[in-house]
Protein backbone atom coordinates (compact mmCIF):
# COMPACT_ATOMS: atom_id res chain seq x y z
CA MET A 1 82.74 111.61 139.16
CA ILE A 2 82.80 108.05 137.74
CA GLU A 3 79.86 106.00 139.08
CA ASN A 4 80.91 102.53 137.83
CA LEU A 5 84.64 102.27 137.67
CA ASN A 6 84.58 98.74 136.21
CA ALA A 7 82.38 99.73 133.36
CA TRP A 8 84.54 102.79 132.67
CA LEU A 9 87.72 100.67 132.68
CA ARG A 10 86.15 98.10 130.24
CA GLY A 11 85.14 100.98 127.93
CA ALA A 12 88.68 102.46 128.11
CA ALA A 13 90.19 99.05 127.38
CA ARG A 14 87.90 98.52 124.45
CA LYS A 15 89.01 101.90 123.01
CA VAL A 16 92.65 100.97 123.39
CA LEU A 17 92.22 97.69 121.71
CA GLN A 18 90.33 99.28 118.85
CA GLU A 19 93.19 101.85 118.35
CA ALA A 20 95.72 99.06 118.38
CA GLY A 21 93.73 97.30 115.75
CA LEU A 22 93.60 100.45 113.63
CA GLU A 23 97.26 100.97 113.94
CA GLN A 24 98.01 97.44 112.92
CA ARG A 25 95.71 97.80 109.78
CA ARG A 26 97.43 101.01 108.91
CA GLU A 27 100.78 99.50 109.12
CA ALA A 28 99.75 96.49 107.01
CA ASP A 29 98.07 98.76 104.41
CA SER A 30 101.07 100.89 104.03
CA ALA A 31 103.32 97.92 103.70
CA ILE A 32 100.98 96.45 101.03
CA ASN A 33 100.88 99.85 99.23
CA ALA A 34 104.73 100.07 99.22
CA ILE A 35 105.05 96.58 97.84
CA ARG A 36 102.42 97.26 95.09
CA ALA A 37 104.04 100.50 94.19
CA ARG A 38 107.34 98.71 93.48
CA GLU A 39 106.09 95.54 91.83
CA PRO A 40 109.52 94.16 91.21
CA SER A 41 110.30 91.63 88.50
CA HIS A 42 111.02 88.04 89.59
CA ALA A 43 114.76 88.64 89.05
CA THR A 44 114.72 91.79 91.08
CA ALA A 45 112.79 90.15 93.94
CA GLU A 46 115.23 87.27 93.92
CA THR A 47 118.17 89.74 94.00
CA ASP A 48 116.50 91.66 96.91
CA HIS A 49 115.97 88.48 98.86
CA LEU A 50 119.64 87.62 98.56
CA LEU A 51 120.69 91.11 99.57
CA LEU A 52 118.28 90.98 102.51
CA GLU A 53 119.82 87.70 103.66
CA GLU A 54 123.30 89.27 103.43
CA CYS A 55 122.09 92.28 105.42
CA LEU A 56 120.43 90.10 108.12
CA ALA A 57 123.63 88.09 108.40
CA ARG A 58 125.51 91.39 109.29
CA LEU A 59 123.21 92.02 112.17
CA SER A 60 124.01 90.92 115.71
CA ALA A 61 122.21 87.81 116.74
CA GLU A 62 120.00 89.77 119.15
CA SER A 63 119.06 92.26 116.57
CA ARG A 64 118.34 89.57 113.93
CA SER A 65 116.25 87.59 116.42
CA LEU A 66 114.23 90.70 117.40
CA VAL A 67 113.34 91.58 113.80
CA GLU A 68 112.51 88.11 112.87
CA GLN A 69 110.23 87.75 115.98
CA TYR A 70 108.73 91.25 115.59
CA TYR A 71 107.85 90.94 111.89
CA HIS A 72 107.25 87.14 111.51
CA PRO A 73 105.51 85.61 114.55
CA ARG A 74 104.95 81.96 114.78
CA GLN A 75 101.58 80.43 115.50
CA VAL A 76 100.18 83.45 117.29
CA SER A 77 98.67 86.78 116.22
CA LEU A 78 101.08 89.72 115.50
CA LEU A 79 99.77 91.62 118.48
CA GLU A 80 100.14 88.67 120.78
CA ALA A 81 103.59 87.81 119.46
CA ARG A 82 104.70 91.47 120.06
CA ARG A 83 103.21 91.51 123.57
CA ARG A 84 105.08 88.29 124.40
CA LEU A 85 108.26 89.70 123.02
CA SER A 86 108.11 92.88 124.95
CA VAL A 87 107.46 90.74 128.23
CA GLN A 88 110.30 88.41 127.31
CA LEU A 89 112.71 91.35 126.79
CA GLY A 90 111.35 93.27 129.84
CA ILE A 91 110.47 96.42 127.85
CA SER A 92 107.44 98.34 127.03
CA SER A 93 105.65 97.74 123.72
CA GLU A 94 106.69 101.29 122.73
CA ASN A 95 110.30 100.58 123.42
CA LEU A 96 109.99 97.34 121.48
CA ARG A 97 108.55 99.19 118.49
CA THR A 98 111.37 101.66 118.67
CA ARG A 99 114.00 98.94 118.69
CA ALA A 100 112.45 97.12 115.88
CA MET A 101 112.29 100.42 113.79
CA ARG A 102 115.99 101.08 114.47
CA VAL A 103 116.93 97.56 113.27
CA ARG A 104 114.61 97.97 110.29
CA LYS A 105 116.36 101.24 109.38
CA GLN A 106 119.78 99.54 109.64
CA LEU A 107 118.40 96.89 107.15
CA GLU A 108 117.06 99.41 104.84
CA GLU A 109 120.34 101.29 104.80
CA CYS A 110 122.29 98.06 104.21
CA LEU A 111 119.92 97.14 101.34
CA ARG A 112 120.45 100.59 99.71
CA ASN A 113 124.20 100.20 100.02
CA ARG A 114 124.27 96.70 98.70
CA ARG A 115 121.89 97.60 95.78
CA GLY A 116 124.31 100.43 94.87
CA LYS A 117 127.22 98.01 95.00
CA ALA A 118 125.33 95.38 92.96
CA GLY A 119 124.55 97.97 90.26
CA GLU A 120 128.18 99.06 89.78
């Protein structure tokens, strides 16, 4: 039996917020580790940038906008930007994350294919 529902809800909300922060830090740490593990040369980084631009151009306007807003928010925190984007699209945050990951996988596959063609 819960004696003070408001206190319990505040505690639950605090835990959810803490978990979201931990997940965000884990994502950032893994991205940083992946970048450090690769440490490309300047020429490789420039080539990768050009290939990424080509792959972004191949996406639909909707997918390109989604991935840009999801990974590079403007003037708000990452969490707030993603919350706004999910509201704007009328989908849950989990559904937004799934969509972003699908587009990201498309980009990664395109980059692998383009790197293979560039190396031939």
